[in-house]
Structures are given as C-alpha cells and as structure tokens.
C-alpha cells in the first residue's frame, strides 16, 4: 500500500477496460504511471479516460490489427513522451470446440486474438524501445492452460503456449539490449467475464465469488483468484523491482499447477451450476 514504484513510467495496457486489465490500469496509475489503454469497448474506455483525467488515455483498438497496435504505441509516445511498459492483456476464450470439431477458421481466430496480438505488442514496443534508446519491459497475459492440458479449449491453450514462446524468444533476441519480457499465467480468476462464461448472470458475479469461497472449491488457498491478484504481479513485472527477472512465465494460480490431476476446473463448473440453481429456486419462491 502506498508504493509509487511506477512513478514516471508510461505504460500501454490492452484489454484495459474490464477484469484484470482494468484493475491493472487502476493499480498502475495508483503507483505513479501514466497509461494508454487499448480496447474494443469504446464507451468503457472513454469513461476510464474521464475518470483518470490526464493520467489515462484511451484508443479504440483491434489488437489483431498491426496498424492499430502501432497507432496505440504511438499514442503513448505522443501524449506522454516515451514508452516504458507494454502490457499485452487483451483476450477472450474464443471458440470452445474440441480438436475434432474446431474449424481452421475458428482456430485462426483464437490464435489471432491471443497470440498474434502479443507478437504485435512485442514488435511495436521493441521498435519504440530501440528508437528512443532506453529499454523497457513487456508483460503478457498467458495462462495455466499454456502449461497443462485440460484447462480450456485447444485454440486458447495453444495460443497461450505461444505467448510463452514469444516471451522466451524476445529474451534471446533483445535481452542483451536490456529489454525484458515476462508472462503471467493466471489460473482461475473470477472476473465478471469468467462468471458469465460459467453461466452466472452478471448481477450475481460478486455473490458467486463469495459462494465459491464459502464452498471451499479451491483446495490450495481456499479461495478463487481475483483480478487484483494478477494486477499486483503485473505491476511488479512492470517495475524496476523486477529488473533481473526476464523470460519468466509465472503461474498466478494459488498453487493449482503444483498439484497433479487437480480437479479445480470441474469443481468450479459444478459450483457454478449449484449457484445458478440456488438463485433460480430463490427467484421462483419469491415469485410464487
């Protein structure tokens, strides 16, 4: 609390209007950074810009488009004079099909959103670091699905594994020039988006988080991950406190990947079903 370890830094955050991205933007600003946010949610982005008047800029951004990412990075240097941190965070689960059912187009779409976007973020951030003559740091959101099978569909899992490869290759090519790249591999993080994907209505997202905690669905730390858990790690990797950390893909999963054959995923889905059924039953009783 109260630390200003990002004082004077300029960061770009993609997918910064909700969930992990939003909490990261809030934390970066709280710790002294100026932030440019790229997202497809234009209304939410404008509200964020107004909320942090002068400290946050926003640009509607399709992260799969090279020109859009180049323009987003240019906005940071134009508005705030430089770039210190690139946080590639935008994403979605994408096509949930199994390997046998997934179309080539479906696979390509997920890879474009989750892996191509991270490549583009690296490309234009590195170009900027080299041009300005001062190295910076790149943080990317990967996933435990890139480390282990069974967490999420193949398009998502393959893309997140690719993110980790991009991180390592960046170190191989540019580490000697002082440029750092690291990934965060979140486990189950209960954002409104994740709750919705589990079938939980948006109005009940906070209630569902408390329900999961009460039901002890997660055997390691006894609670699900929250956006601030990932945002704190992103802020650390963006800061000079991590100056000797490079090429790492750091699980932020409460210890889930430390356990062989954990059943957290199925347990969470089952908990979501019980929760939704309990809310439906309560509504029916009230109506009756």
C-alpha atoms as a PDB file:
ATOM      1  CA  UNK A   1       0.000   0.000   0.000  1.00  0.00           C
ATOM      2  CA  UNK A   2       1.163   3.499  -0.842  1.00  0.00           C
ATOM      3  CA  UNK A   3       4.101   2.443  -3.003  1.00  0.00           C
ATOM      4  CA  UNK A   4       4.978   4.626  -6.006  1.00  0.00           C
ATOM      5  CA  UNK A   5       7.270   2.165  -7.764  1.00  0.00           C
ATOM      6  CA  UNK A   6       5.871   3.075 -11.197  1.00  0.00           C
ATOM      7  CA  UNK A   7       6.375   6.814 -10.740  1.00  0.00           C
ATOM      8  CA  UNK A   8       7.230   8.490 -14.043  1.00  0.00           C
ATOM      9  CA  UNK A   9       6.653   5.385 -16.144  1.00  0.00           C
ATOM     10  CA  UNK A  10       4.451   5.270 -19.249  1.00  0.00           C
ATOM     11  CA  UNK A  11       2.531   2.077 -19.932  1.00  0.00           C
ATOM     12  CA  UNK A  12       0.282   0.702 -22.633  1.00  0.00           C
ATOM     13  CA  UNK A  13      -2.359  -1.798 -21.481  1.00  0.00           C
ATOM     14  CA  UNK A  14      -4.522  -3.711 -23.940  1.00  0.00           C
ATOM     15  CA  UNK A  15      -7.864  -5.047 -22.767  1.00  0.00           C
ATOM     16  CA  UNK A  16      -7.796  -2.448 -20.015  1.00  0.00           C
ATOM     17  CA  UNK A  17     -11.488  -1.660 -19.557  1.00  0.00           C
ATOM     18  CA  UNK A  18     -12.530  -4.696 -17.509  1.00  0.00           C
ATOM     19  CA  UNK A  19     -11.313  -7.533 -15.311  1.00  0.00           C
ATOM     20  CA  UNK A  20      -7.570  -7.998 -14.957  1.00  0.00           C
ATOM     21  CA  UNK A  21      -6.809  -5.175 -17.375  1.00  0.00           C
ATOM     22  CA  UNK A  22      -8.958  -2.629 -15.560  1.00  0.00           C
ATOM     23  CA  UNK A  23      -7.532  -3.494 -12.165  1.00  0.00           C
ATOM     24  CA  UNK A  24      -4.034  -3.240 -13.644  1.00  0.00           C
ATOM     25  CA  UNK A  25      -4.738   0.209 -15.064  1.00  0.00           C
ATOM     26  CA  UNK A  26      -6.045   1.341 -11.679  1.00  0.00           C
ATOM     27  CA  UNK A  27      -3.008  -0.033  -9.887  1.00  0.00           C
ATOM     28  CA  UNK A  28      -0.514   1.368 -12.399  1.00  0.00           C
ATOM     29  CA  UNK A  29      -1.998   4.854 -12.005  1.00  0.00           C
ATOM     30  CA  UNK A  30      -2.140   4.484  -8.233  1.00  0.00           C
ATOM     31  CA  UNK A  31       1.579   3.702  -8.272  1.00  0.00           C
ATOM     32  CA  UNK A  32       2.521   6.694 -10.369  1.00  0.00           C
ATOM     33  CA  UNK A  33       2.290   5.619 -14.028  1.00  0.00           C
ATOM     34  CA  UNK A  34       0.600   7.279 -16.964  1.00  0.00           C
ATOM     35  CA  UNK A  35      -1.323   4.731 -19.007  1.00  0.00           C
ATOM     36  CA  UNK A  36      -2.680   4.392 -22.530  1.00  0.00           C
ATOM     37  CA  UNK A  37      -5.460   1.816 -22.810  1.00  0.00           C
ATOM     38  CA  UNK A  38      -6.391  -0.040 -25.981  1.00  0.00           C
ATOM     39  CA  UNK A  39      -9.676  -1.917 -26.100  1.00  0.00           C
ATOM     40  CA  UNK A  40     -12.693  -2.533 -28.338  1.00  0.00           C
ATOM     41  CA  UNK A  41     -15.046  -1.301 -25.587  1.00  0.00           C
ATOM     42  CA  UNK A  42     -15.126   2.342 -26.641  1.00  0.00           C
ATOM     43  CA  UNK A  43     -17.711   3.601 -24.138  1.00  0.00           C
ATOM     44  CA  UNK A  44     -15.960   1.977 -21.178  1.00  0.00           C
ATOM     45  CA  UNK A  45     -12.648   3.332 -22.436  1.00  0.00           C
ATOM     46  CA  UNK A  46     -13.902   6.888 -22.621  1.00  0.00           C
ATOM     47  CA  UNK A  47     -15.292   6.628 -19.101  1.00  0.00           C
ATOM     48  CA  UNK A  48     -11.919   5.368 -17.895  1.00  0.00           C
ATOM     49  CA  UNK A  49     -10.178   8.278 -19.598  1.00  0.00           C
ATOM     50  CA  UNK A  50     -12.544  10.732 -17.896  1.00  0.00           C
ATOM     51  CA  UNK A  51     -12.148   9.036 -14.527  1.00  0.00           C
ATOM     52  CA  UNK A  52      -8.352   9.428 -14.597  1.00  0.00           C
ATOM     53  CA  UNK A  53      -8.242  12.803 -16.282  1.00  0.00           C
ATOM     54  CA  UNK A  54      -4.773  13.370 -17.720  1.00  0.00           C
ATOM     55  CA  UNK A  55      -3.348  10.127 -16.365  1.00  0.00           C
ATOM     56  CA  UNK A  56      -5.062   7.702 -18.751  1.00  0.00           C
ATOM     57  CA  UNK A  57      -5.526   7.934 -22.492  1.00  0.00           C
ATOM     58  CA  UNK A  58      -7.766   5.634 -24.496  1.00  0.00           C
ATOM     59  CA  UNK A  59      -7.910   4.485 -28.087  1.00  0.00           C
ATOM     60  CA  UNK A  60     -10.349   2.002 -29.595  1.00  0.00           C
ATOM     61  CA  UNK A  61      -8.098  -0.858 -30.660  1.00  0.00           C
ATOM     62  CA  UNK A  62      -8.414  -4.129 -32.506  1.00  0.00           C
ATOM     63  CA  UNK A  63      -5.393  -5.934 -31.096  1.00  0.00           C
ATOM     64  CA  UNK A  64      -5.203  -8.279 -34.093  1.00  0.00           C
ATOM     65  CA  UNK A  65      -4.534  -5.333 -36.427  1.00  0.00           C
ATOM     66  CA  UNK A  66      -0.869  -4.304 -36.822  1.00  0.00           C
ATOM     67  CA  UNK A  67      -1.744  -0.709 -37.683  1.00  0.00           C
ATOM     68  CA  UNK A  68      -3.962  -0.435 -34.615  1.00  0.00           C
ATOM     69  CA  UNK A  69      -1.212  -1.639 -32.264  1.00  0.00           C
ATOM     70  CA  UNK A  70       1.364   0.592 -33.909  1.00  0.00           C
ATOM     71  CA  UNK A  71      -1.000   3.540 -33.507  1.00  0.00           C
ATOM     72  CA  UNK A  72      -1.691   2.669 -29.865  1.00  0.00           C
ATOM     73  CA  UNK A  73       2.004   2.622 -29.003  1.00  0.00           C
ATOM     74  CA  UNK A  74       2.497   5.873 -30.927  1.00  0.00           C
ATOM     75  CA  UNK A  75      -0.257   7.474 -28.835  1.00  0.00           C
ATOM     76  CA  UNK A  76       1.726   6.713 -25.685  1.00  0.00           C
ATOM     77  CA  UNK A  77       4.878   8.350 -27.031  1.00  0.00           C
ATOM     78  CA  UNK A  78       2.990  11.314 -28.475  1.00  0.00           C
ATOM     79  CA  UNK A  79       0.918  12.021 -25.394  1.00  0.00           C
ATOM     80  CA  UNK A  80       3.393  11.117 -22.666  1.00  0.00           C
ATOM     81  CA  UNK A  81       6.762  11.303 -24.410  1.00  0.00           C
ATOM     82  CA  UNK A  82       8.000   7.709 -24.183  1.00  0.00           C
ATOM     83  CA  UNK A  83       7.130   4.068 -23.560  1.00  0.00           C
ATOM     84  CA  UNK A  84       8.371   2.083 -20.576  1.00  0.00           C
ATOM     85  CA  UNK A  85       5.880  -0.764 -20.235  1.00  0.00           C
ATOM     86  CA  UNK A  86       3.797  -2.774 -22.700  1.00  0.00           C
ATOM     87  CA  UNK A  87       1.148  -4.989 -21.083  1.00  0.00           C
ATOM     88  CA  UNK A  88      -0.401  -7.359 -23.637  1.00  0.00           C
ATOM     89  CA  UNK A  89      -3.542  -8.384 -21.807  1.00  0.00           C
ATOM     90  CA  UNK A  90      -6.496  -8.360 -24.231  1.00  0.00           C
ATOM     91  CA  UNK A  91      -8.170 -11.682 -24.879  1.00  0.00           C
ATOM     92  CA  UNK A  92     -11.166 -13.988 -24.673  1.00  0.00           C
ATOM     93  CA  UNK A  93     -11.704 -17.742 -24.554  1.00  0.00           C
ATOM     94  CA  UNK A  94     -12.811 -17.850 -28.182  1.00  0.00           C
ATOM     95  CA  UNK A  95     -14.199 -20.924 -29.931  1.00  0.00           C
ATOM     96  CA  UNK A  96     -14.851 -23.649 -27.310  1.00  0.00           C
ATOM     97  CA  UNK A  97     -14.841 -26.520 -29.808  1.00  0.00           C
ATOM     98  CA  UNK A  98     -12.844 -29.692 -29.259  1.00  0.00           C
ATOM     99  CA  UNK A  99      -9.945 -30.551 -31.570  1.00  0.00           C
ATOM    100  CA  UNK A 100     -12.086 -32.802 -33.751  1.00  0.00           C
ATOM    101  CA  UNK A 101     -14.836 -30.184 -34.119  1.00  0.00           C
ATOM    102  CA  UNK A 102     -12.834 -26.942 -34.302  1.00  0.00           C
ATOM    103  CA  UNK A 103     -12.666 -25.406 -37.774  1.00  0.00           C
ATOM    104  CA  UNK A 104      -9.470 -23.992 -39.209  1.00  0.00           C
ATOM    105  CA  UNK A 105     -11.054 -20.533 -39.243  1.00  0.00           C
ATOM    106  CA  UNK A 106     -12.105 -20.918 -35.625  1.00  0.00           C
ATOM    107  CA  UNK A 107      -8.577 -21.863 -34.634  1.00  0.00           C
ATOM    108  CA  UNK A 108      -7.070 -18.996 -36.619  1.00  0.00           C
ATOM    109  CA  UNK A 109      -9.428 -16.513 -34.974  1.00  0.00           C
ATOM    110  CA  UNK A 110      -8.400 -17.503 -31.465  1.00  0.00           C
ATOM    111  CA  UNK A 111      -4.705 -17.502 -32.349  1.00  0.00           C
ATOM    112  CA  UNK A 112      -5.028 -14.034 -33.887  1.00  0.00           C
ATOM    113  CA  UNK A 113      -6.641 -12.620 -30.754  1.00  0.00           C
ATOM    114  CA  UNK A 114      -4.404 -14.300 -28.195  1.00  0.00           C
ATOM    115  CA  UNK A 115      -1.020 -14.925 -29.849  1.00  0.00           C
ATOM    116  CA  UNK A 116      -0.767 -12.633 -32.872  1.00  0.00           C
ATOM    117  CA  UNK A 117      -1.776  -9.691 -30.677  1.00  0.00           C
ATOM    118  CA  UNK A 118       1.044 -10.471 -28.252  1.00  0.00           C
ATOM    119  CA  UNK A 119       3.526 -10.735 -31.113  1.00  0.00           C
ATOM    120  CA  UNK A 120       2.345  -7.345 -32.404  1.00  0.00           C
ATOM    121  CA  UNK A 121       2.615  -5.809 -28.950  1.00  0.00           C
ATOM    122  CA  UNK A 122       6.182  -7.045 -28.680  1.00  0.00           C
ATOM    123  CA  UNK A 123       7.060  -5.913 -32.202  1.00  0.00           C
ATOM    124  CA  UNK A 124       5.979  -2.308 -31.826  1.00  0.00           C
ATOM    125  CA  UNK A 125       7.088  -1.949 -28.218  1.00  0.00           C
ATOM    126  CA  UNK A 126      10.572  -3.228 -29.086  1.00  0.00           C
ATOM    127  CA  UNK A 127      10.800  -0.876 -32.063  1.00  0.00           C
ATOM    128  CA  UNK A 128       9.910   2.007 -29.766  1.00  0.00           C
ATOM    129  CA  UNK A 129      12.396   0.973 -27.072  1.00  0.00           C
ATOM    130  CA  UNK A 130      15.174   0.781 -29.651  1.00  0.00           C
ATOM    131  CA  UNK A 131      14.231   4.094 -31.281  1.00  0.00           C
ATOM    132  CA  UNK A 132      14.093   6.020 -28.004  1.00  0.00           C
ATOM    133  CA  UNK A 133      17.371   4.495 -26.837  1.00  0.00           C
ATOM    134  CA  UNK A 134      16.031   3.323 -23.479  1.00  0.00           C
ATOM    135  CA  UNK A 135      14.999  -0.267 -22.818  1.00  0.00           C
ATOM    136  CA  UNK A 136      11.598  -1.118 -21.455  1.00  0.00           C
ATOM    137  CA  UNK A 137       9.675  -4.099 -20.197  1.00  0.00           C
ATOM    138  CA  UNK A 138       6.907  -6.168 -21.744  1.00  0.00           C
ATOM    139  CA  UNK A 139       4.347  -8.105 -19.739  1.00  0.00           C
ATOM    140  CA  UNK A 140       1.916 -10.525 -21.379  1.00  0.00           C
ATOM    141  CA  UNK A 141      -1.043 -12.458 -20.048  1.00  0.00           C
ATOM    142  CA  UNK A 142      -0.579 -16.160 -20.727  1.00  0.00           C
ATOM    143  CA  UNK A 143      -2.451 -18.878 -18.806  1.00  0.00           C
ATOM    144  CA  UNK A 144      -2.037 -22.126 -16.910  1.00  0.00           C
ATOM    145  CA  UNK A 145      -3.785 -23.562 -19.988  1.00  0.00           C
ATOM    146  CA  UNK A 146      -0.494 -22.998 -21.806  1.00  0.00           C
ATOM    147  CA  UNK A 147       1.304 -25.116 -19.215  1.00  0.00           C
ATOM    148  CA  UNK A 148      -1.095 -28.014 -18.750  1.00  0.00           C
ATOM    149  CA  UNK A 149      -3.768 -29.709 -20.817  1.00  0.00           C
ATOM    150  CA  UNK A 150      -7.408 -29.792 -19.807  1.00  0.00           C
ATOM    151  CA  UNK A 151      -7.984 -26.271 -18.564  1.00  0.00           C
ATOM    152  CA  UNK A 152      -9.525 -24.643 -21.647  1.00  0.00           C
ATOM    153  CA  UNK A 153     -10.132 -25.399 -25.358  1.00  0.00           C
ATOM    154  CA  UNK A 154      -7.312 -26.156 -27.766  1.00  0.00           C
ATOM    155  CA  UNK A 155      -7.276 -22.798 -29.567  1.00  0.00           C
ATOM    156  CA  UNK A 156      -6.913 -20.958 -26.291  1.00  0.00           C
ATOM    157  CA  UNK A 157      -4.371 -23.393 -24.854  1.00  0.00           C
ATOM    158  CA  UNK A 158      -2.185 -23.401 -27.958  1.00  0.00           C
ATOM    159  CA  UNK A 159      -2.255 -19.613 -28.156  1.00  0.00           C
ATOM    160  CA  UNK A 160      -1.227 -19.185 -24.542  1.00  0.00           C
ATOM    161  CA  UNK A 161       1.655 -21.622 -25.018  1.00  0.00           C
ATOM    162  CA  UNK A 162       2.708 -19.492 -27.994  1.00  0.00           C
ATOM    163  CA  UNK A 163       2.684 -16.397 -25.763  1.00  0.00           C
ATOM    164  CA  UNK A 164       5.277 -18.047 -23.540  1.00  0.00           C
ATOM    165  CA  UNK A 165       7.423 -18.871 -26.579  1.00  0.00           C
ATOM    166  CA  UNK A 166       7.270 -15.254 -27.758  1.00  0.00           C
ATOM    167  CA  UNK A 167       8.462 -14.175 -24.314  1.00  0.00           C
ATOM    168  CA  UNK A 168      11.448 -16.525 -24.392  1.00  0.00           C
ATOM    169  CA  UNK A 169      12.390 -15.595 -27.948  1.00  0.00           C
ATOM    170  CA  UNK A 170      12.276 -11.907 -27.065  1.00  0.00           C
ATOM    171  CA  UNK A 171      14.847 -12.521 -24.339  1.00  0.00           C
ATOM    172  CA  UNK A 172      17.035 -14.426 -26.805  1.00  0.00           C
ATOM    173  CA  UNK A 173      16.916 -11.654 -29.392  1.00  0.00           C
ATOM    174  CA  UNK A 174      16.821  -8.477 -27.279  1.00  0.00           C
ATOM    175  CA  UNK A 175      17.809  -9.330 -23.708  1.00  0.00           C
ATOM    176  CA  UNK A 176      21.361  -8.145 -24.275  1.00  0.00           C
ATOM    177  CA  UNK A 177      19.949  -4.712 -25.105  1.00  0.00           C
ATOM    178  CA  UNK A 178      18.208  -4.507 -21.744  1.00  0.00           C
ATOM    179  CA  UNK A 179      14.705  -5.279 -22.978  1.00  0.00           C
ATOM    180  CA  UNK A 180      12.735  -7.530 -20.655  1.00  0.00           C
ATOM    181  CA  UNK A 181       9.737  -9.732 -21.420  1.00  0.00           C
ATOM    182  CA  UNK A 182       7.773 -11.848 -18.959  1.00  0.00           C
ATOM    183  CA  UNK A 183       4.405 -13.564 -18.899  1.00  0.00           C
ATOM    184  CA  UNK A 184       1.816 -14.092 -16.216  1.00  0.00           C
ATOM    185  CA  UNK A 185      -0.022 -17.426 -16.291  1.00  0.00           C
ATOM    186  CA  UNK A 186      -3.244 -16.933 -14.334  1.00  0.00           C
ATOM    187  CA  UNK A 187      -5.267 -19.850 -13.082  1.00  0.00           C
ATOM    188  CA  UNK A 188      -8.965 -19.421 -12.382  1.00  0.00           C
ATOM    189  CA  UNK A 189      -9.525 -15.682 -11.920  1.00  0.00           C
ATOM    190  CA  UNK A 190     -13.124 -14.792 -11.155  1.00  0.00           C
ATOM    191  CA  UNK A 191     -13.791 -11.780 -13.326  1.00  0.00           C
ATOM    192  CA  UNK A 192     -17.359 -10.928 -14.435  1.00  0.00           C
ATOM    193  CA  UNK A 193     -16.389 -12.334 -17.848  1.00  0.00           C
ATOM    194  CA  UNK A 194     -15.393 -15.692 -16.358  1.00  0.00           C
ATOM    195  CA  UNK A 195     -18.525 -15.833 -14.221  1.00  0.00           C
ATOM    196  CA  UNK A 196     -20.633 -15.150 -17.309  1.00  0.00           C
ATOM    197  CA  UNK A 197     -18.809 -17.912 -19.201  1.00  0.00           C
ATOM    198  CA  UNK A 198     -19.825 -20.263 -16.376  1.00  0.00           C
ATOM    199  CA  UNK A 199     -23.466 -19.258 -16.824  1.00  0.00           C
ATOM    200  CA  UNK A 200     -23.661 -16.906 -13.847  1.00  0.00           C
ATOM    201  CA  UNK A 201     -25.745 -13.764 -14.571  1.00  0.00           C
ATOM    202  CA  UNK A 202     -23.755 -10.539 -14.375  1.00  0.00           C
ATOM    203  CA  UNK A 203     -25.793  -9.196 -11.447  1.00  0.00           C
ATOM    204  CA  UNK A 204     -24.668 -12.157  -9.362  1.00  0.00           C
ATOM    205  CA  UNK A 205     -20.931 -12.082 -10.133  1.00  0.00           C
ATOM    206  CA  UNK A 206     -19.896 -10.780  -6.680  1.00  0.00           C
ATOM    207  CA  UNK A 207     -22.285 -13.173  -4.930  1.00  0.00           C
ATOM    208  CA  UNK A 208     -20.796 -16.053  -6.914  1.00  0.00           C
ATOM    209  CA  UNK A 209     -17.274 -15.144  -5.824  1.00  0.00           C
ATOM    210  CA  UNK A 210     -18.362 -15.272  -2.180  1.00  0.00           C
ATOM    211  CA  UNK A 211     -20.196 -18.544  -2.820  1.00  0.00           C
ATOM    212  CA  UNK A 212     -17.072 -20.168  -4.271  1.00  0.00           C
ATOM    213  CA  UNK A 213     -15.094 -19.040  -1.238  1.00  0.00           C
ATOM    214  CA  UNK A 214     -17.714 -20.396   1.179  1.00  0.00           C
ATOM    215  CA  UNK A 215     -17.912 -23.712  -0.679  1.00  0.00           C
ATOM    216  CA  UNK A 216     -14.102 -24.150  -0.489  1.00  0.00           C
ATOM    217  CA  UNK A 217     -13.940 -25.091  -4.167  1.00  0.00           C
ATOM    218  CA  UNK A 218     -10.206 -24.350  -4.288  1.00  0.00           C
ATOM    219  CA  UNK A 219      -8.199 -26.668  -2.083  1.00  0.00           C
ATOM    220  CA  UNK A 220      -4.916 -24.727  -2.144  1.00  0.00           C
ATOM    221  CA  UNK A 221      -5.543 -21.245  -0.768  1.00  0.00           C
ATOM    222  CA  UNK A 222      -9.235 -21.727  -0.113  1.00  0.00           C
ATOM    223  CA  UNK A 223     -10.400 -19.009  -2.484  1.00  0.00           C
ATOM    224  CA  UNK A 224     -10.518 -18.191  -6.181  1.00  0.00           C
ATOM    225  CA  UNK A 225      -8.135 -15.764  -7.798  1.00  0.00           C
ATOM    226  CA  UNK A 226      -9.268 -12.168  -8.238  1.00  0.00           C
ATOM    227  CA  UNK A 227      -8.196  -9.510 -10.761  1.00  0.00           C
ATOM    228  CA  UNK A 228      -6.050  -7.719  -8.188  1.00  0.00           C
ATOM    229  CA  UNK A 229      -4.003 -10.886  -7.645  1.00  0.00           C
ATOM    230  CA  UNK A 230      -2.846 -10.723 -11.263  1.00  0.00           C
ATOM    231  CA  UNK A 231      -2.635  -6.921 -11.356  1.00  0.00           C
ATOM    232  CA  UNK A 232      -0.204  -6.918  -8.420  1.00  0.00           C
ATOM    233  CA  UNK A 233       2.115  -9.273 -10.315  1.00  0.00           C
ATOM    234  CA  UNK A 234       1.792  -7.187 -13.482  1.00  0.00           C
ATOM    235  CA  UNK A 235       2.766  -4.080 -11.510  1.00  0.00           C
ATOM    236  CA  UNK A 236       5.782  -5.895 -10.061  1.00  0.00           C
ATOM    237  CA  UNK A 237       6.933  -7.058 -13.505  1.00  0.00           C
ATOM    238  CA  UNK A 238       6.425  -3.523 -14.844  1.00  0.00           C
ATOM    239  CA  UNK A 239       8.539  -2.013 -12.078  1.00  0.00           C
ATOM    240  CA  UNK A 240      12.278  -1.797 -11.551  1.00  0.00           C
ATOM    241  CA  UNK A 241      11.889  -4.170  -8.596  1.00  0.00           C
ATOM    242  CA  UNK A 242      11.823  -6.980 -11.199  1.00  0.00           C
ATOM    243  CA  UNK A 243      14.860  -5.660 -13.084  1.00  0.00           C
ATOM    244  CA  UNK A 244      16.624  -9.058 -13.040  1.00  0.00           C
ATOM    245  CA  UNK A 245      13.501 -11.067 -13.915  1.00  0.00           C
ATOM    246  CA  UNK A 246      13.440 -11.909 -17.620  1.00  0.00           C
ATOM    247  CA  UNK A 247      11.904 -14.637 -19.763  1.00  0.00           C
ATOM    248  CA  UNK A 248       9.680 -15.970 -16.987  1.00  0.00           C
ATOM    249  CA  UNK A 249       6.137 -17.343 -17.305  1.00  0.00           C
ATOM    250  CA  UNK A 250       4.887 -17.008 -13.741  1.00  0.00           C
ATOM    251  CA  UNK A 251       1.836 -19.003 -12.647  1.00  0.00           C
ATOM    252  CA  UNK A 252      -0.581 -16.923 -10.561  1.00  0.00           C
ATOM    253  CA  UNK A 253      -2.924 -19.755  -9.711  1.00  0.00           C
ATOM    254  CA  UNK A 254      -2.945 -20.236  -5.961  1.00  0.00           C
ATOM    255  CA  UNK A 255      -0.874 -23.390  -6.361  1.00  0.00           C
ATOM    256  CA  UNK A 256      -3.190 -25.190  -8.795  1.00  0.00           C
ATOM    257  CA  UNK A 257      -0.425 -26.278 -11.155  1.00  0.00           C
ATOM    258  CA  UNK A 258       1.589 -27.597  -8.218  1.00  0.00           C
ATOM    259  CA  UNK A 259      -0.947 -30.403  -7.809  1.00  0.00           C
ATOM    260  CA  UNK A 260      -1.033 -33.333 -10.219  1.00  0.00           C
ATOM    261  CA  UNK A 261      -4.507 -34.077 -11.630  1.00  0.00           C
ATOM    262  CA  UNK A 262      -6.207 -31.248  -9.757  1.00  0.00           C
ATOM    263  CA  UNK A 263      -9.960 -31.005 -10.258  1.00  0.00           C
ATOM    264  CA  UNK A 264     -10.403 -27.264  -9.783  1.00  0.00           C
ATOM    265  CA  UNK A 265     -11.914 -26.732 -13.234  1.00  0.00           C
ATOM    266  CA  UNK A 266     -14.691 -29.331 -12.944  1.00  0.00           C
ATOM    267  CA  UNK A 267     -15.291 -28.316  -9.331  1.00  0.00           C
ATOM    268  CA  UNK A 268     -15.774 -24.702 -10.369  1.00  0.00           C
ATOM    269  CA  UNK A 269     -18.211 -25.612 -13.137  1.00  0.00           C
ATOM    270  CA  UNK A 270     -20.181 -27.745 -10.676  1.00  0.00           C
ATOM    271  CA  UNK A 271     -20.204 -24.893  -8.153  1.00  0.00           C
ATOM    272  CA  UNK A 272     -21.498 -22.511 -10.812  1.00  0.00           C
ATOM    273  CA  UNK A 273     -24.348 -24.883 -11.638  1.00  0.00           C
ATOM    274  CA  UNK A 274     -25.312 -25.206  -7.969  1.00  0.00           C
ATOM    275  CA  UNK A 275     -25.148 -21.446  -7.518  1.00  0.00           C
ATOM    276  CA  UNK A 276     -27.312 -20.678 -10.549  1.00  0.00           C
ATOM    277  CA  UNK A 277     -29.837 -23.329  -9.492  1.00  0.00           C
ATOM    278  CA  UNK A 278     -29.992 -21.848  -5.991  1.00  0.00           C
ATOM    279  CA  UNK A 279     -30.655 -18.381  -7.404  1.00  0.00           C
ATOM    280  CA  UNK A 280     -33.291 -19.736  -9.792  1.00  0.00           C
ATOM    281  CA  UNK A 281     -35.000 -21.529  -6.920  1.00  0.00           C
ATOM    282  CA  UNK A 282     -34.950 -18.393  -4.787  1.00  0.00           C
ATOM    283  CA  UNK A 283     -36.451 -16.356  -7.616  1.00  0.00           C
ATOM    284  CA  UNK A 284     -39.222 -18.904  -8.205  1.00  0.00           C
ATOM    285  CA  UNK A 285     -40.047 -18.978  -4.483  1.00  0.00           C
ATOM    286  CA  UNK A 286     -40.192 -15.187  -4.336  1.00  0.00           C
ATOM    287  CA  UNK A 287     -42.382 -15.030  -7.428  1.00  0.00           C
ATOM    288  CA  UNK A 288     -44.741 -17.660  -6.081  1.00  0.00           C
END
